[in-house]
Amino acid sequence: MHRRYDKNHVPIELLRTFAAILDVGSFTKAAGVLGLTQSAISAQIKRLQLLVGGEIFQRSGPGLRLTDRGETVATYAQRILALNDQIFLHVGTVARILRTGLSRALVNRFMPAVLAETSQPGRRQPLLLRCDSSETLAKNLAAGYLDLAVLISAGSLPQPAQVEWKERLCWVCAPTFLLSPGAPIPLISAPESVSERVAIRACEAAGLTHTTAFLGSDLNARLLAAAAGLGFIVMLERTVPSELKIAREHYLPQLPEVSAGICIGETADRAAIRPFLSVLEALLRPPAEDSQHIRLPHRPTRRP
């Protein structure tokens, strides 16, 4: 007799639900994405935990956190789902969702163009776009939760890049903002962000005192704080909005260039990604005269 939940086989729908929770961050949001009730989501996760022999989510603390067992299950689940989706992709029966990460530093300037391009008629792959810090996106890419990600780094990129270039940083403030002589430099920052680290290092290297005038993860909130005259925000030069100005005051320290690139996950289908990679490259990389553009050699993908 057929048993739907054989103890030696994990049903693919349980892994799909698990992956959806990881992608969107909650049972409730996953239910909406998958078109299921929250009770159905909870039942599926309970069944998955029975099959793998223990808890996969920690119950203490805010938000969802994986247990050690959950981290292991997540690694293999993403590989299994990637291979499952590639079967259907290659036989042409379904378009696999392309899971893409975009650094928050690029969202306001480039996300509308990315969405416009991917919504064109004839695009074969639907897109799941995640916007977050480059550090978080790199971790998700390494764990198999993303197929590719556009990352920004003050040093070398945390993942090998298929396409890589340099971006210029600049100090930005309200057009009428003035700083009193000798006053600490007020910084508008995102917690643990590349821009925050670069700004602090630059001030300390120049022997300048600084203070945090505004701290927030939301880019729009930081831009509003800058427009209100609270202080300086460090941004990619190409992303400065028209209502703000690039600050060139003599007392501001020089900022270094940062690395940017498009990185591909190990389990991603490179052949399927290639058209979208070309679109991203055309939209995101600076003109040749503004930034040295590097094309890296093809790296074979390791398969599980």
C-alpha atoms as a PDB file:
ATOM      1  CA  MET A   1       0.000   0.000   0.000  1.00  0.00           C
ATOM      2  CA  HIS A   2       1.280   3.485  -0.865  1.00  0.00           C
ATOM      3  CA  ARG A   3       2.191   5.565   2.144  1.00  0.00           C
ATOM      4  CA  ARG A   4       2.319   9.293   1.475  1.00  0.00           C
ATOM      5  CA  TYR A   5       4.752   9.969   4.273  1.00  0.00           C
ATOM      6  CA  ASP A   6       7.176   7.059   4.264  1.00  0.00           C
ATOM      7  CA  LYS A   7       9.663   7.481   7.095  1.00  0.00           C
ATOM      8  CA  ASN A   8      12.577   7.170   4.674  1.00  0.00           C
ATOM      9  CA  HIS A   9      11.334   9.817   2.206  1.00  0.00           C
ATOM     10  CA  VAL A  10      10.821  13.530   2.757  1.00  0.00           C
ATOM     11  CA  PRO A  11       7.950  14.814   0.567  1.00  0.00           C
ATOM     12  CA  ILE A  12       9.045  17.658  -1.677  1.00  0.00           C
ATOM     13  CA  GLU A  13       6.129  19.860  -0.559  1.00  0.00           C
ATOM     14  CA  LEU A  14       7.455  19.857   3.008  1.00  0.00           C
ATOM     15  CA  LEU A  15      10.832  21.079   1.813  1.00  0.00           C
ATOM     16  CA  ARG A  16       9.118  23.673  -0.392  1.00  0.00           C
ATOM     17  CA  THR A  17       7.214  25.008   2.606  1.00  0.00           C
ATOM     18  CA  PHE A  18      10.365  25.031   4.727  1.00  0.00           C
ATOM     19  CA  ALA A  19      12.248  26.961   2.024  1.00  0.00           C
ATOM     20  CA  ALA A  20       9.394  29.463   1.672  1.00  0.00           C
ATOM     21  CA  ILE A  21       9.497  30.195   5.409  1.00  0.00           C
ATOM     22  CA  LEU A  22      13.227  30.819   5.183  1.00  0.00           C
ATOM     23  CA  ASP A  23      12.782  33.080   2.153  1.00  0.00           C
ATOM     24  CA  VAL A  24      10.063  35.328   3.625  1.00  0.00           C
ATOM     25  CA  GLY A  25      10.872  35.041   7.331  1.00  0.00           C
ATOM     26  CA  SER A  26       7.616  33.837   8.883  1.00  0.00           C
ATOM     27  CA  PHE A  27       4.939  31.144   8.814  1.00  0.00           C
ATOM     28  CA  THR A  28       2.255  33.743   8.067  1.00  0.00           C
ATOM     29  CA  LYS A  29       4.032  35.211   5.039  1.00  0.00           C
ATOM     30  CA  ALA A  30       4.874  31.742   3.745  1.00  0.00           C
ATOM     31  CA  ALA A  31       1.203  30.819   3.940  1.00  0.00           C
ATOM     32  CA  GLY A  32       0.371  33.791   1.740  1.00  0.00           C
ATOM     33  CA  VAL A  33       3.092  32.950  -0.778  1.00  0.00           C
ATOM     34  CA  LEU A  34       2.066  29.293  -1.019  1.00  0.00           C
ATOM     35  CA  GLY A  35      -1.698  29.864  -0.869  1.00  0.00           C
ATOM     36  CA  LEU A  36      -2.101  27.781   2.291  1.00  0.00           C
ATOM     37  CA  THR A  37      -3.516  28.449   5.744  1.00  0.00           C
ATOM     38  CA  GLN A  38      -1.144  29.093   8.608  1.00  0.00           C
ATOM     39  CA  SER A  39      -2.381  25.921  10.318  1.00  0.00           C
ATOM     40  CA  ALA A  40      -1.455  23.929   7.202  1.00  0.00           C
ATOM     41  CA  ILE A  41       2.022  25.459   7.231  1.00  0.00           C
ATOM     42  CA  SER A  42       2.442  24.579  10.916  1.00  0.00           C
ATOM     43  CA  ALA A  43       1.263  21.013  10.275  1.00  0.00           C
ATOM     44  CA  GLN A  44       3.758  20.572   7.445  1.00  0.00           C
ATOM     45  CA  ILE A  45       6.660  21.843   9.552  1.00  0.00           C
ATOM     46  CA  LYS A  46       5.624  19.567  12.413  1.00  0.00           C
ATOM     47  CA  ARG A  47       5.607  16.632  10.004  1.00  0.00           C
ATOM     48  CA  LEU A  48       9.037  17.610   8.650  1.00  0.00           C
ATOM     49  CA  GLN A  49      10.408  17.761  12.190  1.00  0.00           C
ATOM     50  CA  LEU A  50       9.075  14.260  12.880  1.00  0.00           C
ATOM     51  CA  LEU A  51      10.791  12.965   9.754  1.00  0.00           C
ATOM     52  CA  VAL A  52      14.174  14.579  10.498  1.00  0.00           C
ATOM     53  CA  GLY A  53      14.063  13.648  14.167  1.00  0.00           C
ATOM     54  CA  GLY A  54      13.877  16.958  16.003  1.00  0.00           C
ATOM     55  CA  GLU A  55      13.180  20.681  16.097  1.00  0.00           C
ATOM     56  CA  ILE A  56      14.335  22.759  13.137  1.00  0.00           C
ATOM     57  CA  PHE A  57      13.310  26.169  14.535  1.00  0.00           C
ATOM     58  CA  GLN A  58      14.325  27.602  17.888  1.00  0.00           C
ATOM     59  CA  ARG A  59      11.422  28.572  20.087  1.00  0.00           C
ATOM     60  CA  SER A  60      13.186  31.205  22.210  1.00  0.00           C
ATOM     61  CA  GLY A  61      13.810  34.812  21.248  1.00  0.00           C
ATOM     62  CA  PRO A  62      12.177  37.086  18.647  1.00  0.00           C
ATOM     63  CA  GLY A  63      11.911  36.057  15.017  1.00  0.00           C
ATOM     64  CA  LEU A  64      12.675  32.723  13.401  1.00  0.00           C
ATOM     65  CA  ARG A  65      16.020  31.098  14.062  1.00  0.00           C
ATOM     66  CA  LEU A  66      17.208  27.701  12.905  1.00  0.00           C
ATOM     67  CA  THR A  67      18.536  25.049  15.236  1.00  0.00           C
ATOM     68  CA  ASP A  68      21.717  23.207  14.265  1.00  0.00           C
ATOM     69  CA  ARG A  69      19.481  20.463  12.865  1.00  0.00           C
ATOM     70  CA  GLY A  70      17.519  23.102  10.976  1.00  0.00           C
ATOM     71  CA  GLU A  71      20.701  24.535   9.432  1.00  0.00           C
ATOM     72  CA  THR A  72      21.617  21.068   8.147  1.00  0.00           C
ATOM     73  CA  VAL A  73      18.124  20.442   6.776  1.00  0.00           C
ATOM     74  CA  ALA A  74      18.122  23.875   5.110  1.00  0.00           C
ATOM     75  CA  THR A  75      21.389  23.174   3.275  1.00  0.00           C
ATOM     76  CA  TYR A  76      20.167  19.905   1.794  1.00  0.00           C
ATOM     77  CA  ALA A  77      16.602  21.120   1.225  1.00  0.00           C
ATOM     78  CA  GLN A  78      17.761  23.907  -1.063  1.00  0.00           C
ATOM     79  CA  ARG A  79      19.903  21.499  -3.058  1.00  0.00           C
ATOM     80  CA  ILE A  80      17.051  19.019  -3.428  1.00  0.00           C
ATOM     81  CA  LEU A  81      14.642  21.752  -4.516  1.00  0.00           C
ATOM     82  CA  ALA A  82      17.168  23.182  -6.972  1.00  0.00           C
ATOM     83  CA  LEU A  83      17.652  19.793  -8.612  1.00  0.00           C
ATOM     84  CA  ASN A  84      13.908  19.132  -8.637  1.00  0.00           C
ATOM     85  CA  ASP A  85      13.239  22.476 -10.320  1.00  0.00           C
ATOM     86  CA  GLN A  86      15.997  21.924 -12.860  1.00  0.00           C
ATOM     87  CA  ILE A  87      14.290  18.725 -14.024  1.00  0.00           C
ATOM     88  CA  PHE A  88      11.141  20.662 -14.879  1.00  0.00           C
ATOM     89  CA  LEU A  89      13.101  23.592 -16.258  1.00  0.00           C
ATOM     90  CA  HIS A  90      14.988  21.419 -18.739  1.00  0.00           C
ATOM     91  CA  VAL A  91      11.928  19.518 -19.919  1.00  0.00           C
ATOM     92  CA  GLY A  92      10.136  22.824 -20.364  1.00  0.00           C
ATOM     93  CA  THR A  93       7.029  22.237 -18.255  1.00  0.00           C
ATOM     94  CA  VAL A  94       7.484  24.960 -15.659  1.00  0.00           C
ATOM     95  CA  ALA A  95       9.439  28.166 -15.213  1.00  0.00           C
ATOM     96  CA  ARG A  96      11.556  28.052 -12.068  1.00  0.00           C
ATOM     97  CA  ILE A  97      11.505  31.100  -9.826  1.00  0.00           C
ATOM     98  CA  LEU A  98      14.830  32.916 -10.009  1.00  0.00           C
ATOM     99  CA  ARG A  99      15.729  33.860  -6.450  1.00  0.00           C
ATOM    100  CA  THR A 100      17.689  37.106  -6.626  1.00  0.00           C
ATOM    101  CA  GLY A 101      19.253  39.298  -3.944  1.00  0.00           C
ATOM    102  CA  LEU A 102      19.871  43.022  -4.365  1.00  0.00           C
ATOM    103  CA  SER A 103      21.952  45.032  -1.912  1.00  0.00           C
ATOM    104  CA  ARG A 104      19.958  47.730  -0.112  1.00  0.00           C
ATOM    105  CA  ALA A 105      22.514  50.285  -1.312  1.00  0.00           C
ATOM    106  CA  LEU A 106      21.226  49.810  -4.871  1.00  0.00           C
ATOM    107  CA  VAL A 107      17.489  49.467  -4.263  1.00  0.00           C
ATOM    108  CA  ASN A 108      16.198  53.020  -4.795  1.00  0.00           C
ATOM    109  CA  ARG A 109      18.297  53.630  -7.886  1.00  0.00           C
ATOM    110  CA  PHE A 110      18.070  50.315  -9.707  1.00  0.00           C
ATOM    111  CA  MET A 111      15.177  48.172  -8.477  1.00  0.00           C
ATOM    112  CA  PRO A 112      12.531  49.879 -10.679  1.00  0.00           C
ATOM    113  CA  ALA A 113      14.657  49.190 -13.765  1.00  0.00           C
ATOM    114  CA  VAL A 114      15.288  45.576 -12.744  1.00  0.00           C
ATOM    115  CA  LEU A 115      11.571  44.975 -12.206  1.00  0.00           C
ATOM    116  CA  ALA A 116      10.688  46.692 -15.481  1.00  0.00           C
ATOM    117  CA  GLU A 117      13.120  44.513 -17.432  1.00  0.00           C
ATOM    118  CA  THR A 118      12.033  41.254 -15.832  1.00  0.00           C
ATOM    119  CA  SER A 119       8.351  41.991 -16.436  1.00  0.00           C
ATOM    120  CA  GLN A 120       8.841  42.280 -20.202  1.00  0.00           C
ATOM    121  CA  PRO A 121       6.760  39.849 -22.331  1.00  0.00           C
ATOM    122  CA  GLY A 122       8.654  36.709 -23.196  1.00  0.00           C
ATOM    123  CA  ARG A 123      10.697  36.551 -19.994  1.00  0.00           C
ATOM    124  CA  ARG A 124      10.681  32.889 -19.116  1.00  0.00           C
ATOM    125  CA  GLN A 125      11.600  32.989 -15.430  1.00  0.00           C
ATOM    126  CA  PRO A 126       9.511  34.603 -12.698  1.00  0.00           C
ATOM    127  CA  LEU A 127      11.554  36.552 -10.178  1.00  0.00           C
ATOM    128  CA  LEU A 128      11.680  36.494  -6.393  1.00  0.00           C
ATOM    129  CA  LEU A 129      13.622  39.612  -5.390  1.00  0.00           C
ATOM    130  CA  ARG A 130      15.074  39.984  -1.903  1.00  0.00           C
ATOM    131  CA  CYS A 131      16.564  43.303  -0.757  1.00  0.00           C
ATOM    132  CA  ASP A 132      18.837  43.180   2.282  1.00  0.00           C
ATOM    133  CA  SER A 133      22.331  43.972   3.505  1.00  0.00           C
ATOM    134  CA  SER A 134      25.127  42.482   1.430  1.00  0.00           C
ATOM    135  CA  GLU A 135      26.277  40.451   4.436  1.00  0.00           C
ATOM    136  CA  THR A 136      22.859  38.817   4.828  1.00  0.00           C
ATOM    137  CA  LEU A 137      22.518  38.209   1.091  1.00  0.00           C
ATOM    138  CA  ALA A 138      25.965  36.592   0.946  1.00  0.00           C
ATOM    139  CA  LYS A 139      25.012  34.185   3.741  1.00  0.00           C
ATOM    140  CA  ASN A 140      21.768  33.290   1.981  1.00  0.00           C
ATOM    141  CA  LEU A 141      23.616  32.773  -1.287  1.00  0.00           C
ATOM    142  CA  ALA A 142      26.148  30.466   0.362  1.00  0.00           C
ATOM    143  CA  ALA A 143      23.361  28.488   2.058  1.00  0.00           C
ATOM    144  CA  GLY A 144      21.509  27.995  -1.219  1.00  0.00           C
ATOM    145  CA  TYR A 145      18.539  30.274  -0.465  1.00  0.00           C
ATOM    146  CA  LEU A 146      19.397  32.535  -3.426  1.00  0.00           C
ATOM    147  CA  ASP A 147      20.472  31.788  -6.991  1.00  0.00           C
ATOM    148  CA  LEU A 148      22.383  35.010  -7.465  1.00  0.00           C
ATOM    149  CA  ALA A 149      22.973  38.248  -5.591  1.00  0.00           C
ATOM    150  CA  VAL A 150      24.309  41.738  -6.275  1.00  0.00           C
ATOM    151  CA  LEU A 151      26.680  42.516  -3.409  1.00  0.00           C
ATOM    152  CA  ILE A 152      28.651  45.515  -2.148  1.00  0.00           C
ATOM    153  CA  SER A 153      31.766  45.194   0.026  1.00  0.00           C
ATOM    154  CA  ALA A 154      34.354  47.546   1.508  1.00  0.00           C
ATOM    155  CA  GLY A 155      37.003  44.881   0.819  1.00  0.00           C
ATOM    156  CA  SER A 156      36.873  41.855  -1.415  1.00  0.00           C
ATOM    157  CA  LEU A 157      33.438  40.431  -2.134  1.00  0.00           C
ATOM    158  CA  PRO A 158      32.332  37.672   0.276  1.00  0.00           C
ATOM    159  CA  GLN A 159      31.522  35.397  -2.689  1.00  0.00           C
ATOM    160  CA  PRO A 160      33.398  34.921  -5.994  1.00  0.00           C
ATOM    161  CA  ALA A 161      31.782  37.199  -8.570  1.00  0.00           C
ATOM    162  CA  GLN A 162      30.822  36.419 -12.146  1.00  0.00           C
ATOM    163  CA  VAL A 163      30.952  40.150 -12.907  1.00  0.00           C
ATOM    164  CA  GLU A 164      32.784  42.667 -10.700  1.00  0.00           C
ATOM    165  CA  TRP A 165      33.390  46.432 -10.712  1.00  0.00           C
ATOM    166  CA  LYS A 166      34.218  49.356  -8.427  1.00  0.00           C
ATOM    167  CA  GLU A 167      31.791  51.951  -7.053  1.00  0.00           C
ATOM    168  CA  ARG A 168      32.632  55.418  -5.753  1.00  0.00           C
ATOM    169  CA  LEU A 169      31.328  56.486  -2.351  1.00  0.00           C
ATOM    170  CA  CYS A 170      30.516  60.057  -1.395  1.00  0.00           C
ATOM    171  CA  TRP A 171      29.272  62.157   1.514  1.00  0.00           C
ATOM    172  CA  VAL A 172      25.684  63.327   1.011  1.00  0.00           C
ATOM    173  CA  CYS A 173      23.575  65.870   2.893  1.00  0.00           C
ATOM    174  CA  ALA A 174      20.706  68.337   2.510  1.00  0.00           C
ATOM    175  CA  PRO A 175      21.493  71.273   0.162  1.00  0.00           C
ATOM    176  CA  THR A 176      21.180  73.768   3.046  1.00  0.00           C
ATOM    177  CA  PHE A 177      23.012  71.717   5.685  1.00  0.00           C
ATOM    178  CA  LEU A 178      25.826  73.503   7.525  1.00  0.00           C
ATOM    179  CA  LEU A 179      28.080  72.104  10.225  1.00  0.00           C
ATOM    180  CA  SER A 180      29.357  74.371  12.979  1.00  0.00           C
ATOM    181  CA  PRO A 181      33.167  74.694  13.040  1.00  0.00           C
ATOM    182  CA  GLY A 182      34.745  72.077  15.276  1.00  0.00           C
ATOM    183  CA  ALA A 183      31.519  70.122  15.757  1.00  0.00           C
ATOM    184  CA  PRO A 184      31.599  66.294  15.460  1.00  0.00           C
ATOM    185  CA  ILE A 185      30.569  64.956  12.076  1.00  0.00           C
ATOM    186  CA  PRO A 186      26.961  63.728  12.423  1.00  0.00           C
ATOM    187  CA  LEU A 187      26.501  60.386  10.699  1.00  0.00           C
ATOM    188  CA  ILE A 188      23.274  58.941   9.318  1.00  0.00           C
ATOM    189  CA  SER A 189      23.904  55.218   9.267  1.00  0.00           C
ATOM    190  CA  ALA A 190      22.488  51.728   8.886  1.00  0.00           C
ATOM    191  CA  PRO A 191      23.528  49.308  11.646  1.00  0.00           C
ATOM    192  CA  GLU A 192      26.563  47.197  10.714  1.00  0.00           C
ATOM    193  CA  SER A 193      26.413  48.379   7.099  1.00  0.00           C
ATOM    194  CA  VAL A 194      29.269  48.856   4.641  1.00  0.00           C
ATOM    195  CA  SER A 195      28.603  52.607   4.523  1.00  0.00           C
ATOM    196  CA  GLU A 196      28.680  52.900   8.310  1.00  0.00           C
ATOM    197  CA  ARG A 197      31.982  51.052   8.604  1.00  0.00           C
ATOM    198  CA  VAL A 198      33.560  53.075   5.800  1.00  0.00           C
ATOM    199  CA  ALA A 199      32.392  56.402   7.265  1.00  0.00           C
ATOM    200  CA  ILE A 200      33.666  55.608  10.759  1.00  0.00           C
ATOM    201  CA  ARG A 201      37.020  54.342   9.484  1.00  0.00           C
ATOM    202  CA  ALA A 202      37.479  57.442   7.337  1.00  0.00           C
ATOM    203  CA  CYS A 203      36.722  59.777  10.245  1.00  0.00           C
ATOM    204  CA  GLU A 204      39.019  57.916  12.613  1.00  0.00           C
ATOM    205  CA  ALA A 205      41.849  57.768  10.059  1.00  0.00           C
ATOM    206  CA  ALA A 206      41.565  61.543   9.625  1.00  0.00           C
ATOM    207  CA  GLY A 207      41.471  62.146  13.398  1.00  0.00           C
ATOM    208  CA  LEU A 208      37.941  63.578  13.240  1.00  0.00           C
ATOM    209  CA  THR A 209      35.317  63.129  15.913  1.00  0.00           C
ATOM    210  CA  HIS A 210      31.934  61.842  14.831  1.00  0.00           C
ATOM    211  CA  THR A 211      28.533  61.155  16.319  1.00  0.00           C
ATOM    212  CA  THR A 212      25.514  59.101  15.269  1.00  0.00           C
ATOM    213  CA  ALA A 213      22.700  61.483  14.344  1.00  0.00           C
ATOM    214  CA  PHE A 214      20.356  58.797  12.983  1.00  0.00           C
ATOM    215  CA  LEU A 215      20.497  55.019  12.886  1.00  0.00           C
ATOM    216  CA  GLY A 216      18.063  52.925  10.853  1.00  0.00           C
ATOM    217  CA  SER A 217      17.971  49.940   8.490  1.00  0.00           C
ATOM    218  CA  ASP A 218      15.433  51.520   6.145  1.00  0.00           C
ATOM    219  CA  LEU A 219      17.128  53.479   3.350  1.00  0.00           C
ATOM    220  CA  ASN A 220      14.156  55.778   2.782  1.00  0.00           C
ATOM    221  CA  ALA A 221      14.157  56.692   6.475  1.00  0.00           C
ATOM    222  CA  ARG A 222      17.860  57.554   6.278  1.00  0.00           C
ATOM    223  CA  LEU A 223      17.278  59.676   3.178  1.00  0.00           C
ATOM    224  CA  LEU A 224      14.501  61.553   4.984  1.00  0.00           C
ATOM    225  CA  ALA A 225      16.841  62.138   7.912  1.00  0.00           C
ATOM    226  CA  ALA A 226      19.462  63.544   5.546  1.00  0.00           C
ATOM    227  CA  ALA A 227      16.897  65.756   3.796  1.00  0.00           C
ATOM    228  CA  ALA A 228      15.821  67.060   7.220  1.00  0.00           C
ATOM    229  CA  GLY A 229      19.372  68.215   7.867  1.00  0.00           C
ATOM    230  CA  LEU A 230      20.327  65.728  10.575  1.00  0.00           C
ATOM    231  CA  GLY A 231      23.760  65.042   9.124  1.00  0.00           C
ATOM    232  CA  PHE A 232      25.748  63.211   6.471  1.00  0.00           C
ATOM    233  CA  ILE A 233      24.913  59.898   4.832  1.00  0.00           C
ATOM    234  CA  VAL A 234      27.502  57.895   2.879  1.00  0.00           C
ATOM    235  CA  MET A 235      26.127  56.578  -0.421  1.00  0.00           C
ATOM    236  CA  LEU A 236      27.228  55.182  -3.733  1.00  0.00           C
ATOM    237  CA  GLU A 237      27.781  58.211  -5.943  1.00  0.00           C
ATOM    238  CA  ARG A 238      25.473  56.838  -8.652  1.00  0.00           C
ATOM    239  CA  THR A 239      22.571  56.483  -6.226  1.00  0.00           C
ATOM    240  CA  VAL A 240      22.378  60.023  -4.782  1.00  0.00           C
ATOM    241  CA  PRO A 241      18.799  61.360  -5.172  1.00  0.00           C
ATOM    242  CA  SER A 242      18.230  64.751  -6.751  1.00  0.00           C
ATOM    243  CA  GLU A 243      16.874  66.347  -3.551  1.00  0.00           C
ATOM    244  CA  LEU A 244      20.202  65.830  -1.797  1.00  0.00           C
ATOM    245  CA  LYS A 245      23.688  67.077  -2.668  1.00  0.00           C
ATOM    246  CA  ILE A 246      27.118  65.505  -2.748  1.00  0.00           C
ATOM    247  CA  ALA A 247      29.020  67.221   0.057  1.00  0.00           C
ATOM    248  CA  ARG A 248      32.508  68.382  -0.912  1.00  0.00           C
ATOM    249  CA  GLU A 249      33.412  70.336   2.226  1.00  0.00           C
ATOM    250  CA  HIS A 250      37.168  70.448   2.813  1.00  0.00           C
ATOM    251  CA  TYR A 251      36.934  68.944   6.308  1.00  0.00           C
ATOM    252  CA  LEU A 252      35.269  65.722   5.159  1.00  0.00           C
ATOM    253  CA  PRO A 253      37.716  62.810   4.774  1.00  0.00           C
ATOM    254  CA  GLN A 254      38.169  61.089   1.448  1.00  0.00           C
ATOM    255  CA  LEU A 255      36.204  57.873   1.027  1.00  0.00           C
ATOM    256  CA  PRO A 256      37.590  54.739  -0.655  1.00  0.00           C
ATOM    257  CA  GLU A 257      36.024  52.899  -3.538  1.00  0.00           C
ATOM    258  CA  VAL A 258      34.085  49.739  -2.727  1.00  0.00           C
ATOM    259  CA  SER A 259      33.748  46.467  -4.590  1.00  0.00           C
ATOM    260  CA  ALA A 260      30.495  45.499  -6.282  1.00  0.00           C
ATOM    261  CA  GLY A 261      29.584  42.394  -8.199  1.00  0.00           C
ATOM    262  CA  ILE A 262      27.045  39.809  -9.276  1.00  0.00           C
ATOM    263  CA  CYS A 263      27.627  36.490  -7.538  1.00  0.00           C
ATOM    264  CA  ILE A 264      26.041  33.147  -8.440  1.00  0.00           C
ATOM    265  CA  GLY A 265      25.207  30.370  -6.000  1.00  0.00           C
ATOM    266  CA  GLU A 266      26.804  26.942  -6.310  1.00  0.00           C
ATOM    267  CA  THR A 267      23.498  25.146  -6.865  1.00  0.00           C
ATOM    268  CA  ALA A 268      22.140  27.657  -9.386  1.00  0.00           C
ATOM    269  CA  ASP A 269      21.512  26.654 -12.992  1.00  0.00           C
ATOM    270  CA  ARG A 270      24.026  28.871 -14.800  1.00  0.00           C
ATOM    271  CA  ALA A 271      22.542  28.231 -18.236  1.00  0.00           C
ATOM    272  CA  ALA A 272      19.110  29.359 -17.042  1.00  0.00           C
ATOM    273  CA  ILE A 273      20.559  32.396 -15.255  1.00  0.00           C
ATOM    274  CA  ARG A 274      22.711  33.625 -18.139  1.00  0.00           C
ATOM    275  CA  PRO A 275      20.039  35.792 -19.873  1.00  0.00           C
ATOM    276  CA  PHE A 276      19.082  37.463 -16.588  1.00  0.00           C
ATOM    277  CA  LEU A 277      22.753  37.942 -15.704  1.00  0.00           C
ATOM    278  CA  SER A 278      23.228  39.870 -18.938  1.00  0.00           C
ATOM    279  CA  VAL A 279      20.239  42.073 -18.090  1.00  0.00           C
ATOM    280  CA  LEU A 280      21.580  42.785 -14.596  1.00  0.00           C
ATOM    281  CA  GLU A 281      25.048  43.553 -15.888  1.00  0.00           C
ATOM    282  CA  ALA A 282      23.711  46.029 -18.442  1.00  0.00           C
ATOM    283  CA  LEU A 283      21.570  47.760 -15.806  1.00  0.00           C
ATOM    284  CA  LEU A 284      23.984  47.839 -12.888  1.00  0.00           C
ATOM    285  CA  ARG A 285      27.602  48.127 -13.924  1.00  0.00           C
ATOM    286  CA  PRO A 286      28.920  51.664 -14.433  1.00  0.00           C
ATOM    287  CA  PRO A 287      30.021  52.902 -17.857  1.00  0.00           C
ATOM    288  CA  ALA A 288      33.554  51.847 -18.752  1.00  0.00           C
ATOM    289  CA  GLU A 289      34.911  55.364 -18.288  1.00  0.00           C
ATOM    290  CA  ASP A 290      33.583  55.515 -14.722  1.00  0.00           C
ATOM    291  CA  SER A 291      34.724  52.177 -13.386  1.00  0.00           C
ATOM    292  CA  GLN A 292      37.086  49.400 -14.284  1.00  0.00           C
ATOM    293  CA  HIS A 293      34.956  46.450 -15.313  1.00  0.00           C
ATOM    294  CA  ILE A 294      36.281  42.972 -14.741  1.00  0.00           C
ATOM    295  CA  ARG A 295      34.936  39.805 -16.309  1.00  0.00           C
ATOM    296  CA  LEU A 296      35.954  36.762 -14.338  1.00  0.00           C
ATOM    297  CA  PRO A 297      36.450  33.332 -15.917  1.00  0.00           C
ATOM    298  CA  HIS A 298      33.672  30.770 -15.780  1.00  0.00           C
ATOM    299  CA  ARG A 299      33.718  28.611 -12.670  1.00  0.00           C
ATOM    300  CA  PRO A 300      32.212  25.149 -12.934  1.00  0.00           C
ATOM    301  CA  THR A 301      29.357  24.565 -10.515  1.00  0.00           C
ATOM    302  CA  ARG A 302      29.821  21.839  -7.920  1.00  0.00           C
ATOM    303  CA  ARG A 303      26.835  19.531  -7.749  1.00  0.00           C
ATOM    304  CA  PRO A 304      25.779  17.667  -4.633  1.00  0.00           C
END
